[in-house]
Amino acid sequence: MARSRKHGAANIQRPTWFVYGALAAVLVASLFPFYWTLLIGSGDSSTLRDPNMSWIPGGNFIDNAMRVIENPAVNFWKALGNSIIVSTTVALSTVVLSTLAGFAFAKLRFKGNGVLYVAVIATMAVPVQLGIVPLYILMAEYGWTGTLGAVIVPALVTAFGVFWMTQYLQQALPTELIEAARVDGCNMIRTFWHVAVPAARPAASMLFLFTFVTAWNNFLWPLIILDQSNPTLPVALSMLQANYFVDYSLVLAGVLLATVPLLILFVFTGRQLVTGIMQGALKG
């Protein structure tokens, strides 16, 4: 065993300086847009046009943030609450329904399994913009225009979520384990809850994060279906650009405020995200 470990350790190649340099370049390129937003958002209205602009953040961020929060056209706290409700509901429903559908497609054999799965995946090829007009007509017939239900209901489950969970459960959940549970007397619901759900937890946590971020940043459909008295945060922040003169320091301060809840989410769930990525990579 000791020899095997020693032999395995010998086969591990240490990263070269080129690898470290490439990773550092990717890190800088990833963080630069955020730093640029902080730079402009902490300045004043003349910062962006200043040819001698300092690369050190200014001291006006709190003042800009308070102007965003207190702006009656933005309706910040209402929009923040709406975004939290929409993103949390959509992410939870997508995880639950996608896990159920993924378990069925991956491990259950029923008539039409393959055809239904292909039909679900085929919907990913349809541009979202093509469905906006019929979806708006449908929401108008139901009387849901201007309500959060019109944003939440069409996004309760996604084809990508079903595909993601199906592919993961096909590899992570042995069929023999399901058969053993059935032999022990578990019905299908108990088998799903006690066998499939624990196996799907890493992929489900990743799906929750991705879906939450997507719903949080969704702009087009809420802009169309919601009115200004009941907006989500991206729609509310768009009002900062509605005037003839756009104060980009104010706009980018609002963008930073909208990013804070996502950063908090990543801080508390980052370990689950890394674990899910590593387990998915190993099983792949």
C-alpha atoms as a PDB file:
ATOM      1  CA  MET A   1       0.000   0.000   0.000  1.00  0.00           C
ATOM      2  CA  ALA A   2       2.823   2.357   1.002  1.00  0.00           C
ATOM      3  CA  ARG A   3       4.627   1.586  -2.243  1.00  0.00           C
ATOM      4  CA  SER A   4       1.424   2.220  -4.207  1.00  0.00           C
ATOM      5  CA  ARG A   5       0.913   5.593  -2.515  1.00  0.00           C
ATOM      6  CA  LYS A   6       4.532   6.511  -3.125  1.00  0.00           C
ATOM      7  CA  HIS A   7       4.212   5.479  -6.769  1.00  0.00           C
ATOM      8  CA  GLY A   8       0.980   7.477  -7.133  1.00  0.00           C
ATOM      9  CA  ALA A   9       2.539  10.559  -5.549  1.00  0.00           C
ATOM     10  CA  ALA A  10       5.469  10.270  -7.924  1.00  0.00           C
ATOM     11  CA  ASN A  11       3.081  10.372 -10.906  1.00  0.00           C
ATOM     12  CA  ILE A  12       1.528  13.685  -9.780  1.00  0.00           C
ATOM     13  CA  GLN A  13       3.024  16.501 -11.816  1.00  0.00           C
ATOM     14  CA  ARG A  14       3.630  19.805 -10.077  1.00  0.00           C
ATOM     15  CA  PRO A  15       2.116  22.819 -11.885  1.00  0.00           C
ATOM     16  CA  THR A  16       4.625  24.847 -13.865  1.00  0.00           C
ATOM     17  CA  TRP A  17       5.043  28.618 -13.722  1.00  0.00           C
ATOM     18  CA  PHE A  18       3.222  28.764 -17.056  1.00  0.00           C
ATOM     19  CA  VAL A  19       0.153  27.204 -15.409  1.00  0.00           C
ATOM     20  CA  TYR A  20       0.323  29.670 -12.527  1.00  0.00           C
ATOM     21  CA  GLY A  21       0.690  32.547 -14.998  1.00  0.00           C
ATOM     22  CA  ALA A  22      -2.290  31.374 -17.070  1.00  0.00           C
ATOM     23  CA  LEU A  23      -4.448  31.011 -13.942  1.00  0.00           C
ATOM     24  CA  ALA A  24      -3.409  34.468 -12.732  1.00  0.00           C
ATOM     25  CA  ALA A  25      -4.317  35.951 -16.145  1.00  0.00           C
ATOM     26  CA  VAL A  26      -7.758  34.287 -16.034  1.00  0.00           C
ATOM     27  CA  LEU A  27      -8.278  35.558 -12.473  1.00  0.00           C
ATOM     28  CA  VAL A  28      -7.369  39.138 -13.424  1.00  0.00           C
ATOM     29  CA  ALA A  29      -9.580  39.034 -16.532  1.00  0.00           C
ATOM     30  CA  SER A  30     -12.483  37.709 -14.448  1.00  0.00           C
ATOM     31  CA  LEU A  31     -12.135  40.313 -11.686  1.00  0.00           C
ATOM     32  CA  PHE A  32     -11.465  43.324 -13.901  1.00  0.00           C
ATOM     33  CA  PRO A  33     -15.149  44.040 -14.832  1.00  0.00           C
ATOM     34  CA  PHE A  34     -16.072  43.956 -11.143  1.00  0.00           C
ATOM     35  CA  TYR A  35     -13.167  46.280 -10.249  1.00  0.00           C
ATOM     36  CA  TRP A  36     -14.126  48.633 -13.110  1.00  0.00           C
ATOM     37  CA  THR A  37     -17.696  48.756 -11.782  1.00  0.00           C
ATOM     38  CA  LEU A  38     -16.370  49.538  -8.293  1.00  0.00           C
ATOM     39  CA  LEU A  39     -14.050  52.201  -9.724  1.00  0.00           C
ATOM     40  CA  ILE A  40     -16.806  54.081 -11.550  1.00  0.00           C
ATOM     41  CA  GLY A  41     -19.478  53.397  -8.920  1.00  0.00           C
ATOM     42  CA  SER A  42     -17.313  54.947  -6.197  1.00  0.00           C
ATOM     43  CA  GLY A  43     -16.642  58.126  -8.216  1.00  0.00           C
ATOM     44  CA  ASP A  44     -18.871  60.939  -9.369  1.00  0.00           C
ATOM     45  CA  SER A  45     -20.544  61.825 -12.668  1.00  0.00           C
ATOM     46  CA  SER A  46     -17.271  63.169 -14.148  1.00  0.00           C
ATOM     47  CA  THR A  47     -15.127  60.111 -13.341  1.00  0.00           C
ATOM     48  CA  LEU A  48     -15.784  58.243 -16.589  1.00  0.00           C
ATOM     49  CA  ARG A  49     -14.941  61.293 -18.759  1.00  0.00           C
ATOM     50  CA  ASP A  50     -11.786  62.169 -16.829  1.00  0.00           C
ATOM     51  CA  PRO A  51      -8.696  61.364 -19.014  1.00  0.00           C
ATOM     52  CA  ASN A  52      -6.560  61.301 -15.855  1.00  0.00           C
ATOM     53  CA  MET A  53      -8.906  59.011 -13.985  1.00  0.00           C
ATOM     54  CA  SER A  54      -7.339  57.389 -10.943  1.00  0.00           C
ATOM     55  CA  TRP A  55      -7.254  53.591 -10.755  1.00  0.00           C
ATOM     56  CA  ILE A  56      -7.930  53.771  -7.023  1.00  0.00           C
ATOM     57  CA  PRO A  57     -11.625  53.640  -6.000  1.00  0.00           C
ATOM     58  CA  GLY A  58     -13.063  56.955  -4.853  1.00  0.00           C
ATOM     59  CA  GLY A  59     -14.983  57.724  -1.718  1.00  0.00           C
ATOM     60  CA  ASN A  60     -18.473  58.367  -3.090  1.00  0.00           C
ATOM     61  CA  PHE A  61     -19.829  54.822  -3.165  1.00  0.00           C
ATOM     62  CA  ILE A  62     -21.943  55.128  -0.014  1.00  0.00           C
ATOM     63  CA  ASP A  63     -23.342  58.455  -1.230  1.00  0.00           C
ATOM     64  CA  ASN A  64     -24.142  56.961  -4.666  1.00  0.00           C
ATOM     65  CA  ALA A  65     -25.679  53.868  -3.057  1.00  0.00           C
ATOM     66  CA  MET A  66     -27.920  55.997  -0.845  1.00  0.00           C
ATOM     67  CA  ARG A  67     -29.037  58.013  -3.887  1.00  0.00           C
ATOM     68  CA  VAL A  68     -30.014  54.757  -5.582  1.00  0.00           C
ATOM     69  CA  ILE A  69     -31.873  53.441  -2.529  1.00  0.00           C
ATOM     70  CA  GLU A  70     -33.706  56.720  -1.924  1.00  0.00           C
ATOM     71  CA  ASN A  71     -34.581  57.277  -5.599  1.00  0.00           C
ATOM     72  CA  PRO A  72     -38.419  57.051  -5.799  1.00  0.00           C
ATOM     73  CA  ALA A  73     -38.250  55.954  -9.457  1.00  0.00           C
ATOM     74  CA  VAL A  74     -36.175  52.893  -8.516  1.00  0.00           C
ATOM     75  CA  ASN A  75     -38.337  51.632  -5.628  1.00  0.00           C
ATOM     76  CA  PHE A  76     -35.259  49.715  -4.413  1.00  0.00           C
ATOM     77  CA  TRP A  77     -36.548  47.722  -1.409  1.00  0.00           C
ATOM     78  CA  LYS A  78     -39.698  46.623  -3.233  1.00  0.00           C
ATOM     79  CA  ALA A  79     -37.590  45.502  -6.198  1.00  0.00           C
ATOM     80  CA  LEU A  80     -35.083  43.717  -3.931  1.00  0.00           C
ATOM     81  CA  GLY A  81     -37.860  41.787  -2.196  1.00  0.00           C
ATOM     82  CA  ASN A  82     -39.435  40.838  -5.520  1.00  0.00           C
ATOM     83  CA  SER A  83     -36.102  39.590  -6.874  1.00  0.00           C
ATOM     84  CA  ILE A  84     -35.523  37.456  -3.769  1.00  0.00           C
ATOM     85  CA  ILE A  85     -39.034  35.952  -4.008  1.00  0.00           C
ATOM     86  CA  VAL A  86     -38.767  35.252  -7.737  1.00  0.00           C
ATOM     87  CA  SER A  87     -35.210  33.868  -7.697  1.00  0.00           C
ATOM     88  CA  THR A  88     -35.715  31.650  -4.631  1.00  0.00           C
ATOM     89  CA  THR A  89     -39.034  30.244  -5.829  1.00  0.00           C
ATOM     90  CA  VAL A  90     -37.769  29.581  -9.350  1.00  0.00           C
ATOM     91  CA  ALA A  91     -34.524  27.977  -8.123  1.00  0.00           C
ATOM     92  CA  LEU A  92     -36.269  25.688  -5.612  1.00  0.00           C
ATOM     93  CA  SER A  93     -38.981  24.584  -8.043  1.00  0.00           C
ATOM     94  CA  THR A  94     -36.437  23.971 -10.802  1.00  0.00           C
ATOM     95  CA  VAL A  95     -34.321  21.785  -8.508  1.00  0.00           C
ATOM     96  CA  VAL A  96     -37.295  19.746  -7.250  1.00  0.00           C
ATOM     97  CA  LEU A  97     -39.024  19.247 -10.608  1.00  0.00           C
ATOM     98  CA  SER A  98     -35.781  18.678 -12.517  1.00  0.00           C
ATOM     99  CA  THR A  99     -34.632  16.070  -9.992  1.00  0.00           C
ATOM    100  CA  LEU A 100     -37.965  14.254 -10.271  1.00  0.00           C
ATOM    101  CA  ALA A 101     -37.874  14.335 -14.076  1.00  0.00           C
ATOM    102  CA  GLY A 102     -34.185  13.426 -14.163  1.00  0.00           C
ATOM    103  CA  PHE A 103     -34.770  10.410 -11.918  1.00  0.00           C
ATOM    104  CA  ALA A 104     -37.623   9.251 -14.159  1.00  0.00           C
ATOM    105  CA  PHE A 105     -35.682   9.670 -17.395  1.00  0.00           C
ATOM    106  CA  ALA A 106     -32.453   8.203 -16.010  1.00  0.00           C
ATOM    107  CA  LYS A 107     -33.661   5.197 -14.021  1.00  0.00           C
ATOM    108  CA  LEU A 108     -37.276   4.356 -14.901  1.00  0.00           C
ATOM    109  CA  ARG A 109     -38.287   2.449 -17.973  1.00  0.00           C
ATOM    110  CA  PHE A 110     -41.673   3.435 -19.376  1.00  0.00           C
ATOM    111  CA  LYS A 111     -43.239   3.706 -22.808  1.00  0.00           C
ATOM    112  CA  GLY A 112     -42.099   6.806 -24.664  1.00  0.00           C
ATOM    113  CA  ASN A 113     -39.155   7.500 -22.336  1.00  0.00           C
ATOM    114  CA  GLY A 114     -36.714   8.266 -25.129  1.00  0.00           C
ATOM    115  CA  VAL A 115     -39.173  10.297 -27.224  1.00  0.00           C
ATOM    116  CA  LEU A 116     -40.198  12.468 -24.276  1.00  0.00           C
ATOM    117  CA  TYR A 117     -36.587  13.068 -23.283  1.00  0.00           C
ATOM    118  CA  VAL A 118     -35.633  14.121 -26.821  1.00  0.00           C
ATOM    119  CA  ALA A 119     -38.693  16.426 -26.941  1.00  0.00           C
ATOM    120  CA  VAL A 120     -37.619  18.107 -23.692  1.00  0.00           C
ATOM    121  CA  ILE A 121     -34.041  18.554 -24.898  1.00  0.00           C
ATOM    122  CA  ALA A 122     -35.241  19.892 -28.272  1.00  0.00           C
ATOM    123  CA  THR A 123     -36.905  22.842 -26.534  1.00  0.00           C
ATOM    124  CA  MET A 124     -33.410  24.102 -25.640  1.00  0.00           C
ATOM    125  CA  ALA A 125     -32.874  24.874 -29.346  1.00  0.00           C
ATOM    126  CA  VAL A 126     -35.834  27.290 -29.455  1.00  0.00           C
ATOM    127  CA  PRO A 127     -34.776  30.923 -28.833  1.00  0.00           C
ATOM    128  CA  VAL A 128     -36.439  32.441 -25.792  1.00  0.00           C
ATOM    129  CA  GLN A 129     -37.443  35.510 -27.804  1.00  0.00           C
ATOM    130  CA  LEU A 130     -39.733  33.403 -30.033  1.00  0.00           C
ATOM    131  CA  GLY A 131     -41.932  32.503 -27.101  1.00  0.00           C
ATOM    132  CA  ILE A 132     -42.382  35.982 -25.648  1.00  0.00           C
ATOM    133  CA  VAL A 133     -45.413  37.065 -27.727  1.00  0.00           C
ATOM    134  CA  PRO A 134     -47.528  33.911 -27.173  1.00  0.00           C
ATOM    135  CA  LEU A 135     -46.462  33.840 -23.529  1.00  0.00           C
ATOM    136  CA  TYR A 136     -47.544  37.454 -23.067  1.00  0.00           C
ATOM    137  CA  ILE A 137     -50.935  36.700 -24.686  1.00  0.00           C
ATOM    138  CA  LEU A 138     -51.352  33.700 -22.359  1.00  0.00           C
ATOM    139  CA  MET A 139     -50.491  35.735 -19.267  1.00  0.00           C
ATOM    140  CA  ALA A 140     -52.870  38.506 -20.371  1.00  0.00           C
ATOM    141  CA  GLU A 141     -55.729  35.996 -20.769  1.00  0.00           C
ATOM    142  CA  TYR A 142     -55.070  34.750 -17.232  1.00  0.00           C
ATOM    143  CA  GLY A 143     -54.942  38.323 -15.930  1.00  0.00           C
ATOM    144  CA  TRP A 144     -51.419  37.865 -14.572  1.00  0.00           C
ATOM    145  CA  THR A 145     -49.729  40.826 -16.279  1.00  0.00           C
ATOM    146  CA  GLY A 146     -47.992  43.014 -13.731  1.00  0.00           C
ATOM    147  CA  THR A 147     -47.800  40.210 -11.148  1.00  0.00           C
ATOM    148  CA  LEU A 148     -44.841  38.116  -9.979  1.00  0.00           C
ATOM    149  CA  GLY A 149     -46.745  34.967 -10.962  1.00  0.00           C
ATOM    150  CA  ALA A 150     -46.214  35.857 -14.618  1.00  0.00           C
ATOM    151  CA  VAL A 151     -42.444  35.771 -14.008  1.00  0.00           C
ATOM    152  CA  ILE A 152     -42.363  32.717 -11.732  1.00  0.00           C
ATOM    153  CA  VAL A 153     -44.743  30.235 -13.383  1.00  0.00           C
ATOM    154  CA  PRO A 154     -43.128  30.076 -16.861  1.00  0.00           C
ATOM    155  CA  ALA A 155     -39.730  29.447 -15.203  1.00  0.00           C
ATOM    156  CA  LEU A 156     -40.735  26.739 -12.701  1.00  0.00           C
ATOM    157  CA  VAL A 157     -38.713  24.119 -14.588  1.00  0.00           C
ATOM    158  CA  THR A 158     -36.191  24.288 -17.424  1.00  0.00           C
ATOM    159  CA  ALA A 159     -35.072  21.832 -20.081  1.00  0.00           C
ATOM    160  CA  PHE A 160     -31.472  22.426 -19.048  1.00  0.00           C
ATOM    161  CA  GLY A 161     -32.307  21.453 -15.460  1.00  0.00           C
ATOM    162  CA  VAL A 162     -33.927  18.205 -16.599  1.00  0.00           C
ATOM    163  CA  PHE A 163     -30.977  17.422 -18.881  1.00  0.00           C
ATOM    164  CA  TRP A 164     -28.471  18.240 -16.127  1.00  0.00           C
ATOM    165  CA  MET A 165     -30.088  16.032 -13.495  1.00  0.00           C
ATOM    166  CA  THR A 166     -30.729  13.177 -15.955  1.00  0.00           C
ATOM    167  CA  GLN A 167     -27.108  13.051 -17.038  1.00  0.00           C
ATOM    168  CA  TYR A 168     -25.865  13.223 -13.446  1.00  0.00           C
ATOM    169  CA  LEU A 169     -28.190  10.544 -12.064  1.00  0.00           C
ATOM    170  CA  GLN A 170     -27.388   8.162 -14.915  1.00  0.00           C
ATOM    171  CA  GLN A 171     -23.793   8.024 -13.643  1.00  0.00           C
ATOM    172  CA  ALA A 172     -24.121   8.753  -9.926  1.00  0.00           C
ATOM    173  CA  LEU A 173     -27.006   6.430  -9.065  1.00  0.00           C
ATOM    174  CA  PRO A 174     -26.432   2.678  -9.666  1.00  0.00           C
ATOM    175  CA  THR A 175     -29.518   0.830 -10.875  1.00  0.00           C
ATOM    176  CA  GLU A 176     -28.653  -2.010  -8.472  1.00  0.00           C
ATOM    177  CA  LEU A 177     -29.150   0.387  -5.562  1.00  0.00           C
ATOM    178  CA  ILE A 178     -32.690   1.178  -6.717  1.00  0.00           C
ATOM    179  CA  GLU A 179     -33.466  -2.511  -7.172  1.00  0.00           C
ATOM    180  CA  ALA A 180     -32.154  -3.249  -3.668  1.00  0.00           C
ATOM    181  CA  ALA A 181     -34.412  -0.540  -2.225  1.00  0.00           C
ATOM    182  CA  ARG A 182     -37.405  -1.980  -4.048  1.00  0.00           C
ATOM    183  CA  VAL A 183     -36.563  -5.483  -2.749  1.00  0.00           C
ATOM    184  CA  ASP A 184     -36.473  -4.032   0.779  1.00  0.00           C
ATOM    185  CA  GLY A 185     -40.043  -2.843   0.333  1.00  0.00           C
ATOM    186  CA  CYS A 186     -39.590   0.812  -0.643  1.00  0.00           C
ATOM    187  CA  ASN A 187     -42.198   2.181  -3.002  1.00  0.00           C
ATOM    188  CA  MET A 188     -41.164   4.574  -5.757  1.00  0.00           C
ATOM    189  CA  ILE A 189     -41.595   7.722  -3.671  1.00  0.00           C
ATOM    190  CA  ARG A 190     -39.502   6.397  -0.767  1.00  0.00           C
ATOM    191  CA  THR A 191     -36.887   5.133  -3.226  1.00  0.00           C
ATOM    192  CA  PHE A 192     -36.671   8.590  -4.746  1.00  0.00           C
ATOM    193  CA  TRP A 193     -36.479  10.344  -1.381  1.00  0.00           C
ATOM    194  CA  HIS A 194     -34.049   7.999   0.406  1.00  0.00           C
ATOM    195  CA  VAL A 195     -31.874   6.855  -2.520  1.00  0.00           C
ATOM    196  CA  ALA A 196     -32.053   9.315  -5.429  1.00  0.00           C
ATOM    197  CA  VAL A 197     -32.134  12.616  -3.514  1.00  0.00           C
ATOM    198  CA  PRO A 198     -28.923  11.988  -1.463  1.00  0.00           C
ATOM    199  CA  ALA A 199     -27.094  10.934  -4.642  1.00  0.00           C
ATOM    200  CA  ALA A 200     -28.354  14.020  -6.526  1.00  0.00           C
ATOM    201  CA  ARG A 201     -27.440  16.565  -3.818  1.00  0.00           C
ATOM    202  CA  PRO A 202     -24.137  17.865  -5.352  1.00  0.00           C
ATOM    203  CA  ALA A 203     -25.692  18.382  -8.802  1.00  0.00           C
ATOM    204  CA  ALA A 204     -28.851  19.835  -7.246  1.00  0.00           C
ATOM    205  CA  SER A 205     -26.834  22.419  -5.291  1.00  0.00           C
ATOM    206  CA  MET A 206     -25.090  23.519  -8.476  1.00  0.00           C
ATOM    207  CA  LEU A 207     -28.383  23.688 -10.341  1.00  0.00           C
ATOM    208  CA  PHE A 208     -29.865  25.815  -7.540  1.00  0.00           C
ATOM    209  CA  LEU A 209     -27.008  28.309  -7.738  1.00  0.00           C
ATOM    210  CA  PHE A 210     -27.031  28.595 -11.520  1.00  0.00           C
ATOM    211  CA  THR A 211     -30.815  28.921 -11.650  1.00  0.00           C
ATOM    212  CA  PHE A 212     -30.858  31.510  -8.848  1.00  0.00           C
ATOM    213  CA  VAL A 213     -28.261  33.658 -10.617  1.00  0.00           C
ATOM    214  CA  THR A 214     -30.079  33.346 -13.959  1.00  0.00           C
ATOM    215  CA  ALA A 215     -33.415  34.319 -12.418  1.00  0.00           C
ATOM    216  CA  TRP A 216     -31.775  37.167 -10.482  1.00  0.00           C
ATOM    217  CA  ASN A 217     -30.236  38.625 -13.651  1.00  0.00           C
ATOM    218  CA  ASN A 218     -33.273  38.038 -15.879  1.00  0.00           C
ATOM    219  CA  PHE A 219     -34.205  41.361 -17.439  1.00  0.00           C
ATOM    220  CA  LEU A 220     -36.151  41.004 -20.713  1.00  0.00           C
ATOM    221  CA  TRP A 221     -39.273  39.113 -19.617  1.00  0.00           C
ATOM    222  CA  PRO A 222     -39.777  41.008 -16.299  1.00  0.00           C
ATOM    223  CA  LEU A 223     -39.323  44.285 -18.217  1.00  0.00           C
ATOM    224  CA  ILE A 224     -42.148  43.295 -20.570  1.00  0.00           C
ATOM    225  CA  ILE A 225     -44.619  41.730 -18.163  1.00  0.00           C
ATOM    226  CA  LEU A 226     -44.152  43.813 -14.974  1.00  0.00           C
ATOM    227  CA  ASP A 227     -45.024  47.460 -14.423  1.00  0.00           C
ATOM    228  CA  GLN A 228     -42.929  50.025 -12.581  1.00  0.00           C
ATOM    229  CA  SER A 229     -44.941  49.715  -9.375  1.00  0.00           C
ATOM    230  CA  ASN A 230     -43.939  46.060  -8.963  1.00  0.00           C
ATOM    231  CA  PRO A 231     -40.501  45.561 -10.589  1.00  0.00           C
ATOM    232  CA  THR A 232     -37.643  43.164 -10.038  1.00  0.00           C
ATOM    233  CA  LEU A 233     -34.221  44.644  -9.286  1.00  0.00           C
ATOM    234  CA  PRO A 234     -32.782  44.690 -12.880  1.00  0.00           C
ATOM    235  CA  VAL A 235     -35.960  46.372 -14.136  1.00  0.00           C
ATOM    236  CA  ALA A 236     -35.889  48.919 -11.329  1.00  0.00           C
ATOM    237  CA  LEU A 237     -32.215  49.767 -11.927  1.00  0.00           C
ATOM    238  CA  SER A 238     -32.945  50.374 -15.621  1.00  0.00           C
ATOM    239  CA  MET A 239     -34.851  53.485 -14.505  1.00  0.00           C
ATOM    240  CA  LEU A 240     -31.477  55.046 -13.642  1.00  0.00           C
ATOM    241  CA  GLN A 241     -30.806  55.270 -17.396  1.00  0.00           C
ATOM    242  CA  ALA A 242     -34.217  56.633 -18.338  1.00  0.00           C
ATOM    243  CA  ASN A 243     -33.127  60.290 -18.304  1.00  0.00           C
ATOM    244  CA  TYR A 244     -31.409  62.211 -21.100  1.00  0.00           C
ATOM    245  CA  PHE A 245     -28.220  62.444 -19.031  1.00  0.00           C
ATOM    246  CA  VAL A 246     -27.018  59.135 -17.613  1.00  0.00           C
ATOM    247  CA  ASP A 247     -24.953  59.279 -14.422  1.00  0.00           C
ATOM    248  CA  TYR A 248     -22.920  56.091 -14.808  1.00  0.00           C
ATOM    249  CA  SER A 249     -21.475  56.337 -11.309  1.00  0.00           C
ATOM    250  CA  LEU A 250     -25.045  56.083 -10.016  1.00  0.00           C
ATOM    251  CA  VAL A 251     -25.924  53.236 -12.401  1.00  0.00           C
ATOM    252  CA  LEU A 252     -22.852  51.183 -11.503  1.00  0.00           C
ATOM    253  CA  ALA A 253     -23.350  51.813  -7.789  1.00  0.00           C
ATOM    254  CA  GLY A 254     -26.809  50.291  -8.258  1.00  0.00           C
ATOM    255  CA  VAL A 255     -25.264  47.351 -10.107  1.00  0.00           C
ATOM    256  CA  LEU A 256     -22.904  46.758  -7.180  1.00  0.00           C
ATOM    257  CA  LEU A 257     -25.829  46.855  -4.754  1.00  0.00           C
ATOM    258  CA  ALA A 258     -27.617  44.243  -6.879  1.00  0.00           C
ATOM    259  CA  THR A 259     -24.487  42.060  -6.821  1.00  0.00           C
ATOM    260  CA  VAL A 260     -24.180  41.976  -3.020  1.00  0.00           C
ATOM    261  CA  PRO A 261     -26.911  39.294  -2.451  1.00  0.00           C
ATOM    262  CA  LEU A 262     -25.239  37.052  -5.060  1.00  0.00           C
ATOM    263  CA  LEU A 263     -21.860  37.431  -3.347  1.00  0.00           C
ATOM    264  CA  ILE A 264     -23.435  36.520  -0.002  1.00  0.00           C
ATOM    265  CA  LEU A 265     -25.027  33.448  -1.616  1.00  0.00           C
ATOM    266  CA  PHE A 266     -21.692  32.331  -3.057  1.00  0.00           C
ATOM    267  CA  VAL A 267     -19.924  32.857   0.278  1.00  0.00           C
ATOM    268  CA  PHE A 268     -22.360  30.528   2.075  1.00  0.00           C
ATOM    269  CA  THR A 269     -22.688  27.918  -0.698  1.00  0.00           C
ATOM    270  CA  GLY A 270     -19.262  28.085  -2.350  1.00  0.00           C
ATOM    271  CA  ARG A 271     -18.114  24.844  -0.741  1.00  0.00           C
ATOM    272  CA  GLN A 272     -21.181  22.993  -2.067  1.00  0.00           C
ATOM    273  CA  LEU A 273     -20.518  24.432  -5.527  1.00  0.00           C
ATOM    274  CA  VAL A 274     -16.884  23.284  -5.575  1.00  0.00           C
ATOM    275  CA  THR A 275     -17.866  19.846  -4.225  1.00  0.00           C
ATOM    276  CA  GLY A 276     -20.519  19.476  -6.909  1.00  0.00           C
ATOM    277  CA  ILE A 277     -18.119  20.466  -9.679  1.00  0.00           C
ATOM    278  CA  MET A 278     -15.417  18.074  -8.420  1.00  0.00           C
ATOM    279  CA  GLN A 279     -17.806  15.141  -8.015  1.00  0.00           C
ATOM    280  CA  GLY A 280     -19.330  15.785 -11.428  1.00  0.00           C
ATOM    281  CA  ALA A 281     -15.874  15.898 -12.990  1.00  0.00           C
ATOM    282  CA  LEU A 282     -14.787  12.662 -11.289  1.00  0.00           C
ATOM    283  CA  LYS A 283     -17.943  10.813 -12.294  1.00  0.00           C
ATOM    284  CA  GLY A 284     -17.692  12.177 -15.841  1.00  0.00           C
END
